[in-house]
C-alpha cells in the first residue's frame, strides 16, 4: 500500500468465542461488532464481552481497529500492511473481514503498542 490507511479504534471490549460446530448460532440484534462464522469444525463468535454465549470457550479483552471503508474487493495488501507492522511490534492480531471493510482485533493491553506501530508505518489511527 503506497498510502497509509485510516483506522478507527472502536470503544468496546470484545470476546472471541468458540462453540461446537453443531451448537445453535447466537444470532441476535446487537450493537457494535458482532460476527458469527460456522465451519465444519466450529462455530466462532466475535461479540462484546458482555454478550459472550454461555458455555463458550472465551478469549476476552480484545479491541477492534476498523479500517475506514468501504474497501475495493480487488485491493491487495490491505491486511498485510497492517499485519506486518504489528508482527514487527510483536502484537498478536485476530483479523475479521466484512463486505465493506476489514477489522483487526488486538488485545487491549497491546493497544498502545499496536497503534504506535501502525502510525510509524504511515497509517492514521483515531481516536488515540
N, C-alpha and C. Protein backbone atom coordinates (compact mmCIF):
# COMPACT_ATOMS: atom_id res chain seq x y z
N UNK A 1 0.84 -1.18 0.00
CA UNK A 1 0.00 0.00 0.00
C UNK A 1 0.89 1.23 0.00
N UNK A 2 0.70 2.06 -0.99
CA UNK A 2 1.53 3.26 -1.07
C UNK A 2 1.05 4.33 -0.10
N UNK A 3 -0.25 4.45 0.12
CA UNK A 3 -0.78 5.43 1.05
C UNK A 3 -1.20 4.73 2.32
N UNK A 4 -1.01 5.41 3.44
CA UNK A 4 -1.42 4.81 4.71
C UNK A 4 -2.94 4.69 4.79
N UNK A 5 -3.38 3.77 5.59
CA UNK A 5 -4.81 3.56 5.82
C UNK A 5 -5.29 4.42 6.97
N UNK A 6 -6.57 4.70 6.98
CA UNK A 6 -7.20 5.35 8.12
C UNK A 6 -7.90 4.27 8.92
N UNK A 7 -7.56 4.17 10.20
CA UNK A 7 -8.17 3.19 11.09
C UNK A 7 -8.82 3.91 12.26
N UNK A 8 -9.84 3.27 12.83
CA UNK A 8 -10.51 3.81 14.00
C UNK A 8 -10.49 2.76 15.09
N UNK A 9 -10.04 3.13 16.27
CA UNK A 9 -10.08 2.24 17.43
C UNK A 9 -11.49 2.30 18.01
N UNK A 10 -12.19 1.19 17.98
CA UNK A 10 -13.56 1.14 18.49
C UNK A 10 -13.54 0.99 20.01
N UNK A 11 -14.56 1.51 20.70
CA UNK A 11 -14.52 1.56 22.17
C UNK A 11 -14.80 0.26 22.91
N UNK A 12 -15.54 -0.66 22.31
CA UNK A 12 -15.97 -1.86 23.05
C UNK A 12 -14.85 -2.85 23.27
N UNK A 13 -14.89 -3.52 24.42
CA UNK A 13 -14.04 -4.69 24.67
C UNK A 13 -14.77 -5.88 24.09
N UNK A 14 -14.07 -6.67 23.29
CA UNK A 14 -14.68 -7.79 22.58
C UNK A 14 -14.19 -9.12 23.11
N UNK A 15 -14.96 -10.15 22.84
CA UNK A 15 -14.60 -11.52 23.15
C UNK A 15 -14.60 -12.32 21.85
N UNK A 16 -13.63 -13.21 21.71
CA UNK A 16 -13.58 -14.17 20.61
C UNK A 16 -13.96 -15.51 21.24
N UNK A 17 -15.04 -16.10 20.73
CA UNK A 17 -15.62 -17.27 21.39
C UNK A 17 -15.66 -18.47 20.44
N UNK A 18 -15.53 -19.66 21.02
CA UNK A 18 -15.62 -20.89 20.24
C UNK A 18 -16.69 -21.79 20.84
N UNK A 19 -17.56 -22.25 19.96
CA UNK A 19 -18.58 -23.22 20.33
C UNK A 19 -18.42 -24.43 19.43
N UNK A 20 -19.10 -25.53 19.76
CA UNK A 20 -19.07 -26.70 18.90
C UNK A 20 -19.77 -26.38 17.58
N UNK A 21 -19.34 -27.04 16.53
CA UNK A 21 -19.89 -26.80 15.19
C UNK A 21 -21.39 -27.02 15.13
N UNK A 22 -21.91 -27.87 15.99
CA UNK A 22 -23.34 -28.19 15.95
C UNK A 22 -24.18 -27.31 16.87
N UNK A 23 -23.54 -26.41 17.64
CA UNK A 23 -24.28 -25.53 18.54
C UNK A 23 -25.14 -24.55 17.74
N UNK A 24 -26.20 -24.09 18.37
CA UNK A 24 -27.09 -23.11 17.75
C UNK A 24 -26.38 -21.76 17.67
N UNK A 25 -26.57 -21.07 16.56
CA UNK A 25 -25.97 -19.76 16.38
C UNK A 25 -26.65 -18.75 17.31
N UNK A 26 -25.85 -17.92 17.98
CA UNK A 26 -26.44 -16.92 18.88
C UNK A 26 -26.80 -15.62 18.15
N UNK A 27 -27.27 -15.73 16.90
CA UNK A 27 -27.63 -14.53 16.14
C UNK A 27 -28.70 -13.75 16.88
N UNK A 28 -28.47 -12.45 16.98
CA UNK A 28 -29.45 -11.56 17.61
C UNK A 28 -29.05 -10.13 17.29
N UNK A 29 -29.95 -9.24 17.50
CA UNK A 29 -29.64 -7.83 17.28
C UNK A 29 -28.60 -7.42 18.31
N UNK A 30 -27.58 -6.78 17.86
CA UNK A 30 -26.52 -6.34 18.77
C UNK A 30 -25.96 -5.02 18.27
N UNK A 31 -25.48 -4.23 19.18
CA UNK A 31 -24.82 -3.00 18.76
C UNK A 31 -23.32 -3.27 18.72
N UNK A 32 -22.61 -2.55 17.90
CA UNK A 32 -21.18 -2.74 17.80
C UNK A 32 -20.83 -3.94 16.95
N UNK A 33 -19.65 -4.49 17.19
CA UNK A 33 -19.16 -5.61 16.40
C UNK A 33 -19.80 -6.90 16.88
N UNK A 34 -20.36 -7.66 15.94
CA UNK A 34 -20.93 -8.97 16.24
C UNK A 34 -20.79 -9.80 14.98
N UNK A 35 -20.02 -10.89 15.05
CA UNK A 35 -19.77 -11.73 13.88
C UNK A 35 -19.92 -13.19 14.26
N UNK A 36 -20.55 -13.96 13.37
CA UNK A 36 -20.72 -15.39 13.57
C UNK A 36 -20.20 -16.10 12.34
N UNK A 37 -19.31 -17.07 12.52
CA UNK A 37 -18.77 -17.86 11.43
C UNK A 37 -18.88 -19.33 11.79
N UNK A 38 -19.51 -20.10 10.90
CA UNK A 38 -19.63 -21.54 11.13
C UNK A 38 -18.80 -22.27 10.08
N UNK A 39 -18.03 -23.25 10.53
CA UNK A 39 -17.32 -24.16 9.64
C UNK A 39 -17.71 -25.58 10.05
N UNK A 40 -17.16 -26.55 9.36
CA UNK A 40 -17.43 -27.94 9.74
C UNK A 40 -16.85 -28.27 11.11
N UNK A 41 -15.86 -27.49 11.55
CA UNK A 41 -15.15 -27.77 12.79
C UNK A 41 -15.60 -26.98 14.00
N UNK A 42 -16.19 -25.80 13.79
CA UNK A 42 -16.52 -24.95 14.93
C UNK A 42 -17.50 -23.85 14.55
N UNK A 43 -18.03 -23.21 15.58
CA UNK A 43 -18.84 -22.01 15.45
C UNK A 43 -18.09 -20.94 16.21
N UNK A 44 -17.65 -19.89 15.51
CA UNK A 44 -16.90 -18.81 16.15
C UNK A 44 -17.78 -17.58 16.24
N UNK A 45 -17.69 -16.89 17.36
CA UNK A 45 -18.47 -15.68 17.58
C UNK A 45 -17.52 -14.60 18.08
N UNK A 46 -17.63 -13.43 17.49
CA UNK A 46 -16.93 -12.24 17.99
C UNK A 46 -18.02 -11.28 18.41
N UNK A 47 -17.96 -10.84 19.66
CA UNK A 47 -19.05 -10.03 20.20
C UNK A 47 -18.54 -9.22 21.39
N UNK A 48 -19.34 -8.23 21.84
CA UNK A 48 -18.98 -7.56 23.09
C UNK A 48 -18.84 -8.59 24.21
N UNK A 49 -17.89 -8.38 25.10
CA UNK A 49 -17.64 -9.34 26.18
C UNK A 49 -18.91 -9.71 26.94
N UNK A 50 -19.75 -8.74 27.21
CA UNK A 50 -20.96 -8.99 27.99
C UNK A 50 -21.96 -9.88 27.25
N UNK A 51 -21.80 -10.03 25.93
CA UNK A 51 -22.71 -10.86 25.13
C UNK A 51 -22.13 -12.22 24.78
N UNK A 52 -20.99 -12.60 25.39
CA UNK A 52 -20.39 -13.89 25.07
C UNK A 52 -21.38 -15.01 25.36
N UNK A 53 -21.53 -15.95 24.42
CA UNK A 53 -22.50 -17.03 24.60
C UNK A 53 -22.15 -17.91 25.80
N UNK A 54 -23.17 -18.30 26.54
CA UNK A 54 -22.98 -19.19 27.69
C UNK A 54 -22.44 -20.53 27.21
N UNK A 55 -21.45 -21.05 27.92
CA UNK A 55 -20.88 -22.34 27.59
C UNK A 55 -19.78 -22.30 26.55
N UNK A 56 -19.46 -21.11 26.02
CA UNK A 56 -18.42 -20.99 25.00
C UNK A 56 -17.04 -20.94 25.63
N UNK A 57 -16.05 -21.37 24.87
CA UNK A 57 -14.66 -21.10 25.24
C UNK A 57 -14.43 -19.65 24.84
N UNK A 58 -13.97 -18.82 25.77
CA UNK A 58 -13.92 -17.37 25.54
C UNK A 58 -12.51 -16.83 25.71
N UNK A 59 -12.08 -16.05 24.74
CA UNK A 59 -10.85 -15.26 24.83
C UNK A 59 -11.29 -13.80 24.86
N UNK A 60 -11.18 -13.18 26.03
CA UNK A 60 -11.70 -11.83 26.22
C UNK A 60 -10.59 -10.78 26.14
N UNK A 61 -11.00 -9.51 26.19
CA UNK A 61 -10.05 -8.41 26.27
C UNK A 61 -9.55 -7.91 24.93
N UNK A 62 -10.29 -8.12 23.86
CA UNK A 62 -9.89 -7.68 22.53
C UNK A 62 -10.48 -6.31 22.22
N UNK A 63 -9.74 -5.52 21.44
CA UNK A 63 -10.22 -4.24 20.92
C UNK A 63 -10.10 -4.27 19.41
N UNK A 64 -11.03 -3.63 18.74
CA UNK A 64 -11.06 -3.65 17.27
C UNK A 64 -10.53 -2.35 16.68
N UNK A 65 -9.68 -2.49 15.69
CA UNK A 65 -9.24 -1.39 14.85
C UNK A 65 -9.96 -1.57 13.51
N UNK A 66 -10.79 -0.62 13.15
CA UNK A 66 -11.60 -0.69 11.94
C UNK A 66 -10.92 0.11 10.83
N UNK A 67 -10.73 -0.51 9.68
CA UNK A 67 -10.18 0.19 8.51
C UNK A 67 -11.30 1.02 7.91
N UNK A 68 -11.01 2.29 7.64
CA UNK A 68 -12.03 3.13 7.02
C UNK A 68 -12.34 2.58 5.64
N UNK A 69 -13.60 2.31 5.40
CA UNK A 69 -14.04 1.74 4.13
C UNK A 69 -15.15 2.56 3.54
N UNK A 70 -15.80 2.06 2.54
CA UNK A 70 -15.67 0.69 2.05
C UNK A 70 -14.40 0.49 1.24
N UNK A 71 -13.91 -0.76 1.28
CA UNK A 71 -12.72 -1.14 0.54
C UNK A 71 -13.11 -1.78 -0.78
N UNK A 72 -12.27 -1.58 -1.77
CA UNK A 72 -12.44 -2.24 -3.07
C UNK A 72 -12.11 -3.72 -2.88
N UNK A 73 -12.98 -4.61 -3.30
CA UNK A 73 -12.76 -6.04 -3.10
C UNK A 73 -11.54 -6.57 -3.86
N UNK A 74 -11.02 -5.80 -4.81
CA UNK A 74 -9.83 -6.23 -5.55
C UNK A 74 -8.55 -5.63 -4.98
N UNK A 75 -8.67 -4.82 -3.92
CA UNK A 75 -7.48 -4.21 -3.31
C UNK A 75 -6.61 -5.29 -2.69
N UNK A 76 -5.34 -5.25 -3.01
CA UNK A 76 -4.40 -6.24 -2.47
C UNK A 76 -3.51 -5.58 -1.42
N UNK A 77 -3.17 -6.32 -0.38
CA UNK A 77 -2.19 -5.86 0.59
C UNK A 77 -2.74 -5.09 1.77
N UNK A 78 -4.05 -4.94 1.87
CA UNK A 78 -4.62 -4.17 2.98
C UNK A 78 -4.25 -4.81 4.31
N UNK A 79 -4.59 -6.07 4.48
CA UNK A 79 -4.30 -6.75 5.74
C UNK A 79 -2.79 -6.88 5.96
N UNK A 80 -2.04 -7.14 4.91
CA UNK A 80 -0.58 -7.26 5.04
C UNK A 80 0.04 -5.96 5.53
N UNK A 81 -0.50 -4.82 5.09
CA UNK A 81 0.06 -3.54 5.51
C UNK A 81 -0.19 -3.26 6.99
N UNK A 82 -1.14 -3.95 7.56
CA UNK A 82 -1.42 -3.84 9.00
C UNK A 82 -0.69 -4.94 9.76
N UNK A 83 -0.76 -6.16 9.24
CA UNK A 83 -0.17 -7.30 9.93
C UNK A 83 1.35 -7.19 10.04
N UNK A 84 1.99 -6.68 9.01
CA UNK A 84 3.46 -6.56 9.04
C UNK A 84 3.96 -5.72 10.20
N UNK A 85 3.50 -4.46 10.32
CA UNK A 85 3.95 -3.64 11.45
C UNK A 85 3.57 -4.23 12.81
N UNK A 86 2.41 -4.86 12.90
CA UNK A 86 2.02 -5.47 14.17
C UNK A 86 2.93 -6.65 14.51
N UNK A 87 3.29 -7.45 13.52
CA UNK A 87 4.20 -8.57 13.75
C UNK A 87 5.56 -8.07 14.21
N UNK A 88 6.06 -7.01 13.56
CA UNK A 88 7.35 -6.44 13.96
C UNK A 88 7.31 -5.93 15.39
N UNK A 89 6.15 -5.42 15.82
CA UNK A 89 6.00 -4.91 17.19
C UNK A 89 5.61 -6.03 18.16
N UNK A 90 5.53 -7.27 17.66
CA UNK A 90 5.19 -8.45 18.45
C UNK A 90 3.80 -8.33 19.08
N UNK A 91 2.85 -7.83 18.25
CA UNK A 91 1.45 -7.71 18.67
C UNK A 91 0.64 -8.76 17.91
N UNK A 92 0.00 -9.64 18.66
CA UNK A 92 -0.86 -10.65 18.04
C UNK A 92 -2.13 -9.98 17.52
N UNK A 93 -2.65 -10.51 16.41
CA UNK A 93 -3.87 -9.95 15.86
C UNK A 93 -4.86 -11.05 15.54
N UNK A 94 -6.11 -10.66 15.48
CA UNK A 94 -7.20 -11.55 15.07
C UNK A 94 -7.95 -10.79 13.99
N UNK A 95 -7.82 -11.19 12.72
CA UNK A 95 -8.45 -10.43 11.63
C UNK A 95 -9.93 -10.79 11.46
N UNK A 96 -10.68 -9.83 10.96
CA UNK A 96 -12.10 -10.01 10.67
C UNK A 96 -12.41 -9.16 9.45
N UNK A 97 -13.07 -9.75 8.48
CA UNK A 97 -13.44 -9.01 7.28
C UNK A 97 -14.96 -9.01 7.12
N UNK A 98 -15.48 -7.89 6.62
CA UNK A 98 -16.88 -7.79 6.27
C UNK A 98 -16.96 -7.39 4.80
N UNK A 99 -18.15 -7.24 4.29
CA UNK A 99 -18.32 -6.85 2.89
C UNK A 99 -17.66 -5.50 2.61
N UNK A 100 -17.78 -4.56 3.54
CA UNK A 100 -17.28 -3.19 3.32
C UNK A 100 -15.85 -2.94 3.76
N UNK A 101 -15.37 -3.64 4.77
CA UNK A 101 -14.06 -3.26 5.31
C UNK A 101 -13.42 -4.40 6.09
N UNK A 102 -12.26 -4.11 6.65
CA UNK A 102 -11.52 -5.07 7.48
C UNK A 102 -11.41 -4.52 8.89
N UNK A 103 -11.33 -5.44 9.83
CA UNK A 103 -11.10 -5.12 11.24
C UNK A 103 -9.91 -5.96 11.68
N UNK A 104 -9.14 -5.42 12.59
CA UNK A 104 -8.05 -6.17 13.21
C UNK A 104 -8.25 -6.05 14.71
N UNK A 105 -8.40 -7.18 15.37
CA UNK A 105 -8.54 -7.19 16.81
C UNK A 105 -7.17 -7.40 17.44
N UNK A 106 -6.88 -6.60 18.48
CA UNK A 106 -5.66 -6.75 19.26
C UNK A 106 -6.06 -6.76 20.72
N UNK A 107 -5.25 -7.39 21.54
CA UNK A 107 -5.53 -7.40 22.97
C UNK A 107 -5.45 -5.97 23.51
N UNK A 108 -6.35 -5.65 24.44
CA UNK A 108 -6.39 -4.30 25.00
C UNK A 108 -5.04 -3.88 25.57
N UNK A 109 -4.31 -4.81 26.17
CA UNK A 109 -3.00 -4.49 26.74
C UNK A 109 -1.98 -4.11 25.67
N UNK A 110 -2.26 -4.43 24.40
CA UNK A 110 -1.35 -4.12 23.29
C UNK A 110 -1.79 -2.92 22.46
N UNK A 111 -2.89 -2.25 22.83
CA UNK A 111 -3.43 -1.17 22.00
C UNK A 111 -2.40 -0.07 21.76
N UNK A 112 -1.73 0.41 22.79
CA UNK A 112 -0.77 1.50 22.59
C UNK A 112 0.38 1.07 21.68
N UNK A 113 0.90 -0.13 21.89
CA UNK A 113 1.99 -0.63 21.05
C UNK A 113 1.51 -0.81 19.61
N UNK A 114 0.30 -1.32 19.45
CA UNK A 114 -0.26 -1.55 18.11
C UNK A 114 -0.47 -0.24 17.37
N UNK A 115 -1.11 0.73 18.02
CA UNK A 115 -1.36 2.00 17.34
C UNK A 115 -0.05 2.72 17.04
N UNK A 116 0.91 2.64 17.94
CA UNK A 116 2.22 3.25 17.67
C UNK A 116 2.90 2.62 16.47
N UNK A 117 2.86 1.30 16.37
CA UNK A 117 3.48 0.60 15.24
C UNK A 117 2.77 0.93 13.93
N UNK A 118 1.45 1.01 13.97
CA UNK A 118 0.69 1.33 12.75
C UNK A 118 0.96 2.77 12.30
N UNK A 119 1.02 3.69 13.26
CA UNK A 119 1.31 5.09 12.91
C UNK A 119 2.74 5.23 12.38
N UNK A 120 3.68 4.50 12.95
CA UNK A 120 5.06 4.54 12.46
C UNK A 120 5.16 4.00 11.04
N UNK A 121 4.22 3.12 10.67
CA UNK A 121 4.21 2.55 9.32
C UNK A 121 3.44 3.44 8.33
N UNK A 122 2.95 4.59 8.80
CA UNK A 122 2.29 5.53 7.90
C UNK A 122 0.78 5.50 7.93
N UNK A 123 0.20 4.68 8.81
CA UNK A 123 -1.26 4.66 8.95
C UNK A 123 -1.70 5.72 9.94
N UNK A 124 -2.98 6.08 9.88
CA UNK A 124 -3.55 7.03 10.85
C UNK A 124 -4.57 6.29 11.69
N UNK A 125 -4.48 6.47 13.02
CA UNK A 125 -5.40 5.79 13.93
C UNK A 125 -6.11 6.83 14.78
N UNK A 126 -7.45 6.79 14.81
CA UNK A 126 -8.24 7.70 15.63
C UNK A 126 -9.25 6.88 16.40
N UNK A 127 -9.72 7.24 17.56
CA UNK A 127 -9.06 8.22 18.41
C UNK A 127 -7.80 7.61 19.02
N UNK A 128 -6.94 8.43 19.47
CA UNK A 128 -5.67 7.96 20.05
C UNK A 128 -5.59 8.43 21.46
